[in-house]
């Protein structure tokens, strides 16, 4: 199955592992971000995501788990990636409930600088 639509960042709360705002700490650091995404289109709902990140000299390495809650069920995604001058990520669908029970597949997101983007989900149930 294939689903397409739009995605936007609704909220982003990122702190260092010792609880400080990530913007307060210069240089190398470990952070955790609690992020909410809004999905519209073939899959419409709210994504609740937890990122763990390591900021090196010229890259932020990321890993995350996200749950998208829709009226028809949930999708669970696993993110692994990096941020240099743009987002580089491999996003997998690893499970789901309801209409998406036992879903497996891949997600592609094309982000704009304003925090909005488009998504394509390709999956099997």
C-alpha atoms as a PDB file:
ATOM      1  CA  UNK A   1       0.000   0.000   0.000  1.00  0.00           C
ATOM      2  CA  UNK A   2       1.077   3.564  -0.584  1.00  0.00           C
ATOM      3  CA  UNK A   3       0.008   6.696   1.334  1.00  0.00           C
ATOM      4  CA  UNK A   4       0.984  10.323   0.698  1.00  0.00           C
ATOM      5  CA  UNK A   5       0.307  13.662   2.312  1.00  0.00           C
ATOM      6  CA  UNK A   6       1.798  16.515   4.269  1.00  0.00           C
ATOM      7  CA  UNK A   7       3.614  16.688   7.586  1.00  0.00           C
ATOM      8  CA  UNK A   8       4.478  19.602   9.841  1.00  0.00           C
ATOM      9  CA  UNK A   9       6.340  20.049  13.105  1.00  0.00           C
ATOM     10  CA  UNK A  10       3.762  21.091  15.736  1.00  0.00           C
ATOM     11  CA  UNK A  11       6.136  21.270  18.721  1.00  0.00           C
ATOM     12  CA  UNK A  12       9.810  20.598  19.512  1.00  0.00           C
ATOM     13  CA  UNK A  13      11.086  20.434  23.103  1.00  0.00           C
ATOM     14  CA  UNK A  14      14.794  19.561  23.174  1.00  0.00           C
ATOM     15  CA  UNK A  15      17.025  19.409  26.242  1.00  0.00           C
ATOM     16  CA  UNK A  16      20.478  18.111  27.072  1.00  0.00           C
ATOM     17  CA  UNK A  17      20.625  14.922  29.095  1.00  0.00           C
ATOM     18  CA  UNK A  18      21.171  17.013  32.234  1.00  0.00           C
ATOM     19  CA  UNK A  19      17.993  19.032  31.570  1.00  0.00           C
ATOM     20  CA  UNK A  20      19.355  22.271  30.067  1.00  0.00           C
ATOM     21  CA  UNK A  21      18.009  23.818  26.884  1.00  0.00           C
ATOM     22  CA  UNK A  22      20.048  22.443  23.990  1.00  0.00           C
ATOM     23  CA  UNK A  23      20.603  26.039  22.803  1.00  0.00           C
ATOM     24  CA  UNK A  24      22.453  26.877  26.056  1.00  0.00           C
ATOM     25  CA  UNK A  25      25.175  24.279  25.488  1.00  0.00           C
ATOM     26  CA  UNK A  26      27.856  24.882  22.870  1.00  0.00           C
ATOM     27  CA  UNK A  27      29.778  22.172  21.055  1.00  0.00           C
ATOM     28  CA  UNK A  28      29.440  18.436  21.549  1.00  0.00           C
ATOM     29  CA  UNK A  29      26.361  17.364  23.486  1.00  0.00           C
ATOM     30  CA  UNK A  30      23.765  14.653  23.988  1.00  0.00           C
ATOM     31  CA  UNK A  31      20.115  15.688  23.802  1.00  0.00           C
ATOM     32  CA  UNK A  32      16.590  14.301  23.873  1.00  0.00           C
ATOM     33  CA  UNK A  33      13.750  15.932  21.938  1.00  0.00           C
ATOM     34  CA  UNK A  34      10.015  15.408  22.444  1.00  0.00           C
ATOM     35  CA  UNK A  35       8.419  16.258  19.112  1.00  0.00           C
ATOM     36  CA  UNK A  36       4.845  16.358  17.843  1.00  0.00           C
ATOM     37  CA  UNK A  37       4.108  16.130  14.127  1.00  0.00           C
ATOM     38  CA  UNK A  38       0.818  16.810  12.375  1.00  0.00           C
ATOM     39  CA  UNK A  39      -0.032  14.493   9.463  1.00  0.00           C
ATOM     40  CA  UNK A  40      -2.659  15.231   6.785  1.00  0.00           C
ATOM     41  CA  UNK A  41      -3.576  13.284   3.660  1.00  0.00           C
ATOM     42  CA  UNK A  42      -3.923   9.531   3.268  1.00  0.00           C
ATOM     43  CA  UNK A  43      -2.677   9.141   6.848  1.00  0.00           C
ATOM     44  CA  UNK A  44      -4.086  11.907   9.081  1.00  0.00           C
ATOM     45  CA  UNK A  45      -3.226  12.190  12.729  1.00  0.00           C
ATOM     46  CA  UNK A  46      -0.636  13.179  15.295  1.00  0.00           C
ATOM     47  CA  UNK A  47       2.879  11.797  15.534  1.00  0.00           C
ATOM     48  CA  UNK A  48       4.465  11.665  18.988  1.00  0.00           C
ATOM     49  CA  UNK A  49       8.219  11.195  18.654  1.00  0.00           C
ATOM     50  CA  UNK A  50      11.233  10.891  20.969  1.00  0.00           C
ATOM     51  CA  UNK A  51      14.613  11.686  19.421  1.00  0.00           C
ATOM     52  CA  UNK A  52      17.965  10.921  21.015  1.00  0.00           C
ATOM     53  CA  UNK A  53      20.737  13.006  19.462  1.00  0.00           C
ATOM     54  CA  UNK A  54      24.476  13.461  19.580  1.00  0.00           C
ATOM     55  CA  UNK A  55      25.860  16.739  18.297  1.00  0.00           C
ATOM     56  CA  UNK A  56      29.409  16.404  16.981  1.00  0.00           C
ATOM     57  CA  UNK A  57      31.504  19.077  15.295  1.00  0.00           C
ATOM     58  CA  UNK A  58      29.585  19.199  12.009  1.00  0.00           C
ATOM     59  CA  UNK A  59      26.732  16.707  12.367  1.00  0.00           C
ATOM     60  CA  UNK A  60      23.889  15.773  14.691  1.00  0.00           C
ATOM     61  CA  UNK A  61      23.328  12.005  14.760  1.00  0.00           C
ATOM     62  CA  UNK A  62      19.749  10.968  15.526  1.00  0.00           C
ATOM     63  CA  UNK A  63      17.683   7.943  16.452  1.00  0.00           C
ATOM     64  CA  UNK A  64      13.993   7.978  17.340  1.00  0.00           C
ATOM     65  CA  UNK A  65      10.765   6.094  17.858  1.00  0.00           C
ATOM     66  CA  UNK A  66       7.502   7.691  16.743  1.00  0.00           C
ATOM     67  CA  UNK A  67       3.880   6.660  17.128  1.00  0.00           C
ATOM     68  CA  UNK A  68       1.357   8.141  14.701  1.00  0.00           C
ATOM     69  CA  UNK A  69      -2.165   8.048  16.142  1.00  0.00           C
ATOM     70  CA  UNK A  70      -5.019   8.170  13.618  1.00  0.00           C
ATOM     71  CA  UNK A  71      -8.758   7.465  13.765  1.00  0.00           C
ATOM     72  CA  UNK A  72      -8.035   4.108  12.076  1.00  0.00           C
ATOM     73  CA  UNK A  73      -5.176   2.875  14.256  1.00  0.00           C
ATOM     74  CA  UNK A  74      -1.544   3.609  14.990  1.00  0.00           C
ATOM     75  CA  UNK A  75       1.736   3.302  13.130  1.00  0.00           C
ATOM     76  CA  UNK A  76       5.076   2.881  14.904  1.00  0.00           C
ATOM     77  CA  UNK A  77       8.149   4.270  13.118  1.00  0.00           C
ATOM     78  CA  UNK A  78      11.871   3.898  13.767  1.00  0.00           C
ATOM     79  CA  UNK A  79      14.097   6.789  12.627  1.00  0.00           C
ATOM     80  CA  UNK A  80      17.884   6.646  12.158  1.00  0.00           C
ATOM     81  CA  UNK A  81      19.666   9.595  10.635  1.00  0.00           C
ATOM     82  CA  UNK A  82      21.758  12.719  10.752  1.00  0.00           C
ATOM     83  CA  UNK A  83      21.449  16.442  10.287  1.00  0.00           C
ATOM     84  CA  UNK A  84      24.203  18.318   8.517  1.00  0.00           C
ATOM     85  CA  UNK A  85      22.824  21.084   6.309  1.00  0.00           C
ATOM     86  CA  UNK A  86      19.682  19.034   5.741  1.00  0.00           C
ATOM     87  CA  UNK A  87      17.908  16.020   7.231  1.00  0.00           C
ATOM     88  CA  UNK A  88      19.195  12.585   6.192  1.00  0.00           C
ATOM     89  CA  UNK A  89      17.088   9.746   7.558  1.00  0.00           C
ATOM     90  CA  UNK A  90      16.012   6.172   7.097  1.00  0.00           C
ATOM     91  CA  UNK A  91      12.516   5.760   8.530  1.00  0.00           C
ATOM     92  CA  UNK A  92      10.951   2.311   8.872  1.00  0.00           C
ATOM     93  CA  UNK A  93       7.414   1.321   9.768  1.00  0.00           C
ATOM     94  CA  UNK A  94       7.951  -1.392  12.387  1.00  0.00           C
ATOM     95  CA  UNK A  95       4.398  -2.057  13.659  1.00  0.00           C
ATOM     96  CA  UNK A  96       0.848  -0.810  13.838  1.00  0.00           C
ATOM     97  CA  UNK A  97      -2.631  -1.357  15.238  1.00  0.00           C
ATOM     98  CA  UNK A  98      -6.172  -1.218  13.824  1.00  0.00           C
ATOM     99  CA  UNK A  99      -6.105  -0.736  10.041  1.00  0.00           C
ATOM    100  CA  UNK A 100      -2.276  -0.833  10.247  1.00  0.00           C
ATOM    101  CA  UNK A 101      -2.011  -4.005  12.365  1.00  0.00           C
ATOM    102  CA  UNK A 102       1.481  -5.527  12.001  1.00  0.00           C
ATOM    103  CA  UNK A 103       2.439  -2.967   9.332  1.00  0.00           C
ATOM    104  CA  UNK A 104       5.964  -3.067   7.913  1.00  0.00           C
ATOM    105  CA  UNK A 105       7.458  -0.684   5.390  1.00  0.00           C
ATOM    106  CA  UNK A 106       9.308   2.543   4.718  1.00  0.00           C
ATOM    107  CA  UNK A 107       8.666   6.260   4.994  1.00  0.00           C
ATOM    108  CA  UNK A 108      10.175   9.073   2.938  1.00  0.00           C
ATOM    109  CA  UNK A 109       9.853  12.683   4.086  1.00  0.00           C
ATOM    110  CA  UNK A 110      10.911  15.710   2.059  1.00  0.00           C
ATOM    111  CA  UNK A 111      11.334  18.647   4.462  1.00  0.00           C
ATOM    112  CA  UNK A 112      11.155  22.365   3.713  1.00  0.00           C
ATOM    113  CA  UNK A 113      13.101  24.882   5.814  1.00  0.00           C
ATOM    114  CA  UNK A 114       9.907  26.075   7.541  1.00  0.00           C
ATOM    115  CA  UNK A 115       9.314  22.697   9.259  1.00  0.00           C
ATOM    116  CA  UNK A 116       6.694  21.468   6.786  1.00  0.00           C
ATOM    117  CA  UNK A 117       7.056  18.689   4.289  1.00  0.00           C
ATOM    118  CA  UNK A 118       5.544  15.885   2.313  1.00  0.00           C
ATOM    119  CA  UNK A 119       5.548  12.198   3.162  1.00  0.00           C
ATOM    120  CA  UNK A 120       5.220   8.909   1.324  1.00  0.00           C
ATOM    121  CA  UNK A 121       4.527   5.694   3.264  1.00  0.00           C
ATOM    122  CA  UNK A 122       4.922   2.361   1.497  1.00  0.00           C
ATOM    123  CA  UNK A 123       3.831  -0.563   3.642  1.00  0.00           C
ATOM    124  CA  UNK A 124       2.321  -4.023   3.920  1.00  0.00           C
ATOM    125  CA  UNK A 125      -0.131  -5.233   6.571  1.00  0.00           C
END
